[in-house]
Amino acid sequence: IGVGGDFLLYHDGTNNVINTVTQDADLYFVVNDGGSTLNAIQIDASDVGAVKLSNDNQKLTVGAGTDWRVFHDGTDTWNQNLTGHFYIANYADDKDLILMSDNGSGGVTAYLTLDGSAERTVFDKHIRVNDNVEVQIGSAGDMPIYHNGTNSLIDNYTGSLIIQTRADDEDIILKSDDGSGGVTAYLTLDGSAGHLNLTPPNNVGIGET
């Protein structure tokens, strides 16, 4: 098709081929939407064959009921699933899933990494949990940690609550307000000396137990 045969449609014996022969010439799929001509799909030859849906609110849909939709509404980008679970999986051995966002300096950085080689979840930025939203630890959520808008709470509903440090010769220190705008240690479990120190108000030392 064309004076110079620039557009070819043919069967090569195995596959059906649509070929734009001219260098960097794009391929367009154009439709009529209610009387308006619309460029629905552009294959950009000069951009490594990038497939472009160039219209705002133009949805890429997948599934018999168009249950998965990806689109840009002119302001934000949406990735929607309307049926069933939404799985994001990486099957490459020892590789990660990485969630990145703006780094405040004109680039992007990792905020959340699912580390496939170390088998752990890594948070690279601060985590903020809103008031009355619990961080629940244990299969049954037996130890919730939360702030209720006034106080911070650590609750335990099953078994003993054990606080321990395994670092050699290090301490467990309980601190609180010192009455002068700062904090001070009130109780120290001294791992190197092997005793309990009660610091204020009388600097009382309790010997090894």
C-alpha atoms as a PDB file:
ATOM      1  CA  ILE A   1       0.000   0.000   0.000  1.00  0.00           C
ATOM      2  CA  GLY A   2       1.304   3.468  -0.942  1.00  0.00           C
ATOM      3  CA  VAL A   3       3.261   4.701  -3.953  1.00  0.00           C
ATOM      4  CA  GLY A   4       6.501   3.447  -2.474  1.00  0.00           C
ATOM      5  CA  GLY A   5       4.983   0.306  -0.979  1.00  0.00           C
ATOM      6  CA  ASP A   6       5.497   1.783   2.485  1.00  0.00           C
ATOM      7  CA  PHE A   7       2.782  -0.235   4.206  1.00  0.00           C
ATOM      8  CA  LEU A   8       2.664  -4.013   3.846  1.00  0.00           C
ATOM      9  CA  LEU A   9       0.083  -6.633   4.828  1.00  0.00           C
ATOM     10  CA  TYR A  10       1.160 -10.212   4.241  1.00  0.00           C
ATOM     11  CA  HIS A  11       1.473 -13.775   5.502  1.00  0.00           C
ATOM     12  CA  ASP A  12       5.031 -15.051   5.771  1.00  0.00           C
ATOM     13  CA  GLY A  13       4.065 -18.733   5.783  1.00  0.00           C
ATOM     14  CA  THR A  14       3.772 -18.823   9.546  1.00  0.00           C
ATOM     15  CA  ASN A  15       2.612 -15.436  10.820  1.00  0.00           C
ATOM     16  CA  ASN A  16       0.370 -12.610   9.713  1.00  0.00           C
ATOM     17  CA  VAL A  17       2.342  -9.370   9.440  1.00  0.00           C
ATOM     18  CA  ILE A  18       1.481  -5.651   9.411  1.00  0.00           C
ATOM     19  CA  ASN A  19       4.647  -3.827   8.410  1.00  0.00           C
ATOM     20  CA  THR A  20       5.282  -0.079   8.214  1.00  0.00           C
ATOM     21  CA  VAL A  21       8.379  -0.039   6.033  1.00  0.00           C
ATOM     22  CA  THR A  22       9.269   3.660   6.256  1.00  0.00           C
ATOM     23  CA  GLN A  23      11.866   4.429   8.888  1.00  0.00           C
ATOM     24  CA  ASP A  24      10.366   5.784  12.164  1.00  0.00           C
ATOM     25  CA  ALA A  25       6.851   5.847  10.662  1.00  0.00           C
ATOM     26  CA  ASP A  26       4.253   5.204  13.369  1.00  0.00           C
ATOM     27  CA  LEU A  27       1.279   2.874  13.154  1.00  0.00           C
ATOM     28  CA  TYR A  28      -2.084   4.297  14.230  1.00  0.00           C
ATOM     29  CA  PHE A  29      -5.393   2.582  14.998  1.00  0.00           C
ATOM     30  CA  VAL A  30      -8.098   5.209  14.526  1.00  0.00           C
ATOM     31  CA  VAL A  31     -11.777   4.836  15.508  1.00  0.00           C
ATOM     32  CA  ASN A  32     -14.944   6.912  15.341  1.00  0.00           C
ATOM     33  CA  ASP A  33     -16.261   7.718  18.835  1.00  0.00           C
ATOM     34  CA  GLY A  34     -19.725   9.269  18.514  1.00  0.00           C
ATOM     35  CA  GLY A  35     -18.746  11.172  15.410  1.00  0.00           C
ATOM     36  CA  SER A  36     -15.304  12.192  16.633  1.00  0.00           C
ATOM     37  CA  THR A  37     -12.191  10.704  15.126  1.00  0.00           C
ATOM     38  CA  LEU A  38     -10.069   9.238  17.866  1.00  0.00           C
ATOM     39  CA  ASN A  39      -6.518   7.920  17.731  1.00  0.00           C
ATOM     40  CA  ALA A  40      -7.068   4.863  19.917  1.00  0.00           C
ATOM     41  CA  ILE A  41      -3.636   3.199  19.683  1.00  0.00           C
ATOM     42  CA  GLN A  42      -0.282   4.494  18.478  1.00  0.00           C
ATOM     43  CA  ILE A  43       2.763   2.306  17.963  1.00  0.00           C
ATOM     44  CA  ASP A  44       5.704   4.702  18.034  1.00  0.00           C
ATOM     45  CA  ALA A  45       8.408   3.404  15.706  1.00  0.00           C
ATOM     46  CA  SER A  46      11.021   5.928  16.897  1.00  0.00           C
ATOM     47  CA  ASP A  47      10.425   5.029  20.580  1.00  0.00           C
ATOM     48  CA  VAL A  48      11.425   1.347  20.431  1.00  0.00           C
ATOM     49  CA  GLY A  49       7.918   0.474  19.219  1.00  0.00           C
ATOM     50  CA  ALA A  50       6.224   1.895  22.335  1.00  0.00           C
ATOM     51  CA  VAL A  51       2.479   1.211  22.450  1.00  0.00           C
ATOM     52  CA  LYS A  52       0.643   4.386  23.470  1.00  0.00           C
ATOM     53  CA  LEU A  53      -2.923   4.991  24.596  1.00  0.00           C
ATOM     54  CA  SER A  54      -2.782   8.745  24.216  1.00  0.00           C
ATOM     55  CA  ASN A  55      -6.183   9.797  25.560  1.00  0.00           C
ATOM     56  CA  ASP A  56      -7.082  10.658  29.152  1.00  0.00           C
ATOM     57  CA  ASN A  57      -9.618   8.244  30.686  1.00  0.00           C
ATOM     58  CA  GLN A  58      -8.846   5.718  27.937  1.00  0.00           C
ATOM     59  CA  LYS A  59      -8.834   2.381  29.724  1.00  0.00           C
ATOM     60  CA  LEU A  60      -6.666  -0.634  29.089  1.00  0.00           C
ATOM     61  CA  THR A  61      -9.012  -3.435  30.174  1.00  0.00           C
ATOM     62  CA  VAL A  62      -8.311  -7.143  30.727  1.00  0.00           C
ATOM     63  CA  GLY A  63     -10.787  -9.974  31.331  1.00  0.00           C
ATOM     64  CA  ALA A  64     -14.135 -10.989  29.850  1.00  0.00           C
ATOM     65  CA  GLY A  65     -15.917  -8.533  32.145  1.00  0.00           C
ATOM     66  CA  THR A  66     -13.203  -5.865  31.818  1.00  0.00           C
ATOM     67  CA  ASP A  67     -12.422  -6.633  35.460  1.00  0.00           C
ATOM     68  CA  TRP A  68      -8.935  -5.125  35.421  1.00  0.00           C
ATOM     69  CA  ARG A  69      -8.573  -1.522  34.292  1.00  0.00           C
ATOM     70  CA  VAL A  70      -5.537   0.733  33.970  1.00  0.00           C
ATOM     71  CA  PHE A  71      -5.970   4.370  32.967  1.00  0.00           C
ATOM     72  CA  HIS A  72      -4.994   7.998  33.529  1.00  0.00           C
ATOM     73  CA  ASP A  73      -7.784  10.485  34.246  1.00  0.00           C
ATOM     74  CA  GLY A  74      -5.797  13.597  33.319  1.00  0.00           C
ATOM     75  CA  THR A  75      -4.549  14.056  36.889  1.00  0.00           C
ATOM     76  CA  ASP A  76      -3.895  10.657  38.436  1.00  0.00           C
ATOM     77  CA  THR A  77      -3.089   7.123  37.321  1.00  0.00           C
ATOM     78  CA  TRP A  78      -5.424   4.294  38.381  1.00  0.00           C
ATOM     79  CA  ASN A  79      -4.911   0.543  38.568  1.00  0.00           C
ATOM     80  CA  GLN A  80      -8.267  -1.063  39.399  1.00  0.00           C
ATOM     81  CA  ASN A  81      -9.366  -4.637  40.000  1.00  0.00           C
ATOM     82  CA  LEU A  82     -13.114  -5.288  40.152  1.00  0.00           C
ATOM     83  CA  THR A  83     -13.246  -9.059  40.719  1.00  0.00           C
ATOM     84  CA  GLY A  84     -11.329 -11.468  42.934  1.00  0.00           C
ATOM     85  CA  HIS A  85      -7.922 -10.991  44.526  1.00  0.00           C
ATOM     86  CA  PHE A  86      -5.225  -8.760  43.051  1.00  0.00           C
ATOM     87  CA  TYR A  87      -1.878 -10.601  42.924  1.00  0.00           C
ATOM     88  CA  ILE A  88       1.472  -8.963  42.234  1.00  0.00           C
ATOM     89  CA  ALA A  89       4.133 -11.663  42.015  1.00  0.00           C
ATOM     90  CA  ASN A  90       7.798 -11.863  41.078  1.00  0.00           C
ATOM     91  CA  TYR A  91       8.813 -15.371  40.029  1.00  0.00           C
ATOM     92  CA  ALA A  92      12.502 -14.564  39.413  1.00  0.00           C
ATOM     93  CA  ASP A  93      14.695 -16.432  41.915  1.00  0.00           C
ATOM     94  CA  ASP A  94      16.157 -14.250  44.721  1.00  0.00           C
ATOM     95  CA  LYS A  95      14.789 -11.023  43.212  1.00  0.00           C
ATOM     96  CA  ASP A  96      12.696  -8.366  44.924  1.00  0.00           C
ATOM     97  CA  LEU A  97       9.465  -6.432  44.646  1.00  0.00           C
ATOM     98  CA  ILE A  98      10.244  -2.759  45.180  1.00  0.00           C
ATOM     99  CA  LEU A  99       7.760   0.070  45.770  1.00  0.00           C
ATOM    100  CA  MET A 100       9.312   3.425  44.899  1.00  0.00           C
ATOM    101  CA  SER A 101       8.161   7.035  45.127  1.00  0.00           C
ATOM    102  CA  ASP A 102       9.456  10.607  45.069  1.00  0.00           C
ATOM    103  CA  ASN A 103      12.510  11.224  47.265  1.00  0.00           C
ATOM    104  CA  GLY A 104      11.889  14.947  47.755  1.00  0.00           C
ATOM    105  CA  SER A 105      14.956  15.859  45.698  1.00  0.00           C
ATOM    106  CA  GLY A 106      13.830  15.374  42.121  1.00  0.00           C
ATOM    107  CA  GLY A 107      14.343  11.607  41.983  1.00  0.00           C
ATOM    108  CA  VAL A 108      12.799   8.431  43.326  1.00  0.00           C
ATOM    109  CA  THR A 109      13.797   6.009  46.056  1.00  0.00           C
ATOM    110  CA  ALA A 110      12.634   2.674  47.457  1.00  0.00           C
ATOM    111  CA  TYR A 111      10.077   2.958  50.267  1.00  0.00           C
ATOM    112  CA  LEU A 112       9.135  -0.716  50.600  1.00  0.00           C
ATOM    113  CA  THR A 113      11.093  -3.763  49.453  1.00  0.00           C
ATOM    114  CA  LEU A 114       9.967  -7.387  49.519  1.00  0.00           C
ATOM    115  CA  ASP A 115      13.409  -8.988  49.595  1.00  0.00           C
ATOM    116  CA  GLY A 116      13.202 -12.315  47.778  1.00  0.00           C
ATOM    117  CA  SER A 117      16.731 -13.467  48.633  1.00  0.00           C
ATOM    118  CA  ALA A 118      16.629 -12.592  52.358  1.00  0.00           C
ATOM    119  CA  GLU A 119      12.933 -13.523  52.684  1.00  0.00           C
ATOM    120  CA  ARG A 120      11.998 -10.369  54.552  1.00  0.00           C
ATOM    121  CA  THR A 121      10.139  -7.095  54.163  1.00  0.00           C
ATOM    122  CA  VAL A 122      12.333  -3.982  54.329  1.00  0.00           C
ATOM    123  CA  PHE A 123      10.935  -0.534  55.090  1.00  0.00           C
ATOM    124  CA  ASP A 124      13.371   2.111  53.850  1.00  0.00           C
ATOM    125  CA  LYS A 125      11.393   5.112  55.133  1.00  0.00           C
ATOM    126  CA  HIS A 126       9.483   6.004  58.286  1.00  0.00           C
ATOM    127  CA  ILE A 127       6.204   4.207  58.969  1.00  0.00           C
ATOM    128  CA  ARG A 128       3.320   6.199  60.449  1.00  0.00           C
ATOM    129  CA  VAL A 129       0.355   4.384  62.009  1.00  0.00           C
ATOM    130  CA  ASN A 130      -2.635   6.627  62.761  1.00  0.00           C
ATOM    131  CA  ASP A 131      -4.343   6.910  66.156  1.00  0.00           C
ATOM    132  CA  ASN A 132      -6.275   3.810  67.250  1.00  0.00           C
ATOM    133  CA  VAL A 133      -4.793   1.749  64.420  1.00  0.00           C
ATOM    134  CA  GLU A 134      -2.955  -1.215  65.873  1.00  0.00           C
ATOM    135  CA  VAL A 135       0.245  -2.906  64.836  1.00  0.00           C
ATOM    136  CA  GLN A 136      -0.868  -6.457  65.654  1.00  0.00           C
ATOM    137  CA  ILE A 137       1.877  -9.006  66.321  1.00  0.00           C
ATOM    138  CA  GLY A 138       1.220 -12.748  66.362  1.00  0.00           C
ATOM    139  CA  SER A 139      -1.006 -14.950  64.203  1.00  0.00           C
ATOM    140  CA  ALA A 140      -4.026 -14.029  66.311  1.00  0.00           C
ATOM    141  CA  GLY A 141      -2.951 -10.429  66.887  1.00  0.00           C
ATOM    142  CA  ASP A 142      -2.090 -11.235  70.502  1.00  0.00           C
ATOM    143  CA  MET A 143       0.157  -8.204  71.023  1.00  0.00           C
ATOM    144  CA  PRO A 144      -1.241  -4.949  69.654  1.00  0.00           C
ATOM    145  CA  ILE A 145       0.846  -1.770  69.806  1.00  0.00           C
ATOM    146  CA  TYR A 146      -0.985   1.504  69.240  1.00  0.00           C
ATOM    147  CA  HIS A 147      -1.606   5.119  70.221  1.00  0.00           C
ATOM    148  CA  ASN A 148      -5.181   5.983  71.215  1.00  0.00           C
ATOM    149  CA  GLY A 149      -4.836   9.725  70.642  1.00  0.00           C
ATOM    150  CA  THR A 150      -3.755  10.317  74.250  1.00  0.00           C
ATOM    151  CA  ASN A 151      -1.556   7.451  75.386  1.00  0.00           C
ATOM    152  CA  SER A 152       0.693   4.813  73.830  1.00  0.00           C
ATOM    153  CA  LEU A 153      -0.110   1.212  74.705  1.00  0.00           C
ATOM    154  CA  ILE A 154       1.544  -2.185  74.402  1.00  0.00           C
ATOM    155  CA  ASP A 155      -0.957  -4.955  75.191  1.00  0.00           C
ATOM    156  CA  ASN A 156      -0.303  -8.665  75.541  1.00  0.00           C
ATOM    157  CA  TYR A 157      -3.162 -11.174  75.518  1.00  0.00           C
ATOM    158  CA  THR A 158      -1.360 -14.527  75.465  1.00  0.00           C
ATOM    159  CA  GLY A 159       1.554 -15.869  77.499  1.00  0.00           C
ATOM    160  CA  SER A 160       4.240 -13.765  79.186  1.00  0.00           C
ATOM    161  CA  LEU A 161       5.484 -10.387  77.992  1.00  0.00           C
ATOM    162  CA  ILE A 162       9.274 -10.651  77.866  1.00  0.00           C
ATOM    163  CA  ILE A 163      11.586  -7.715  77.237  1.00  0.00           C
ATOM    164  CA  GLN A 164      15.183  -8.768  76.775  1.00  0.00           C
ATOM    165  CA  THR A 165      18.452  -7.670  75.254  1.00  0.00           C
ATOM    166  CA  ARG A 166      20.859 -10.282  73.932  1.00  0.00           C
ATOM    167  CA  ALA A 167      23.755  -7.879  73.380  1.00  0.00           C
ATOM    168  CA  ASP A 168      26.668  -8.809  75.684  1.00  0.00           C
ATOM    169  CA  ASP A 169      27.168  -6.474  78.667  1.00  0.00           C
ATOM    170  CA  GLU A 170      24.465  -4.040  77.509  1.00  0.00           C
ATOM    171  CA  ASP A 171      21.532  -2.686  79.525  1.00  0.00           C
ATOM    172  CA  ILE A 172      17.767  -2.318  79.529  1.00  0.00           C
ATOM    173  CA  ILE A 173      16.971   1.283  80.519  1.00  0.00           C
ATOM    174  CA  LEU A 174      13.572   2.694  81.471  1.00  0.00           C
ATOM    175  CA  LYS A 175      13.420   6.477  81.003  1.00  0.00           C
ATOM    176  CA  SER A 176      10.833   9.155  81.772  1.00  0.00           C
ATOM    177  CA  ASP A 177      10.478  12.916  82.214  1.00  0.00           C
ATOM    178  CA  ASP A 178      13.085  14.445  84.569  1.00  0.00           C
ATOM    179  CA  GLY A 179      10.929  17.418  85.617  1.00  0.00           C
ATOM    180  CA  SER A 180      13.152  19.875  83.762  1.00  0.00           C
ATOM    181  CA  GLY A 181      12.116  19.451  80.133  1.00  0.00           C
ATOM    182  CA  GLY A 182      14.220  16.384  79.447  1.00  0.00           C
ATOM    183  CA  VAL A 183      14.280  12.684  80.220  1.00  0.00           C
ATOM    184  CA  THR A 184      16.383  10.589  82.552  1.00  0.00           C
ATOM    185  CA  ALA A 185      16.902   6.923  83.385  1.00  0.00           C
ATOM    186  CA  TYR A 186      14.737   5.781  86.293  1.00  0.00           C
ATOM    187  CA  LEU A 187      15.463   2.072  86.072  1.00  0.00           C
ATOM    188  CA  THR A 188      18.469   0.334  84.597  1.00  0.00           C
ATOM    189  CA  LEU A 189      19.017  -3.402  84.270  1.00  0.00           C
ATOM    190  CA  ASP A 190      22.797  -3.309  84.120  1.00  0.00           C
ATOM    191  CA  GLY A 191      23.920  -6.211  81.959  1.00  0.00           C
ATOM    192  CA  SER A 192      27.645  -5.771  82.620  1.00  0.00           C
ATOM    193  CA  ALA A 193      27.405  -5.333  86.427  1.00  0.00           C
ATOM    194  CA  GLY A 194      24.591  -7.843  86.826  1.00  0.00           C
ATOM    195  CA  HIS A 195      22.292  -5.700  88.950  1.00  0.00           C
ATOM    196  CA  LEU A 196      19.295  -3.363  88.938  1.00  0.00           C
ATOM    197  CA  ASN A 197      19.856   0.375  89.369  1.00  0.00           C
ATOM    198  CA  LEU A 198      17.089   2.711  90.548  1.00  0.00           C
ATOM    199  CA  THR A 199      18.531   6.138  89.824  1.00  0.00           C
ATOM    200  CA  PRO A 200      16.273   8.963  91.146  1.00  0.00           C
ATOM    201  CA  PRO A 201      15.180  10.059  93.623  1.00  0.00           C
ATOM    202  CA  ASN A 202      17.624   8.394  96.008  1.00  0.00           C
ATOM    203  CA  ASN A 203      20.112   6.714  93.673  1.00  0.00           C
ATOM    204  CA  VAL A 204      19.132   3.401  95.221  1.00  0.00           C
ATOM    205  CA  GLY A 205      21.143   0.398  94.054  1.00  0.00           C
ATOM    206  CA  ILE A 206      19.700  -3.098  94.390  1.00  0.00           C
ATOM    207  CA  GLY A 207      22.308  -5.836  94.379  1.00  0.00           C
ATOM    208  CA  GLU A 208      22.517  -8.808  92.075  1.00  0.00           C
ATOM    209  CA  THR A 209      19.588 -11.220  92.287  1.00  0.00           C
END
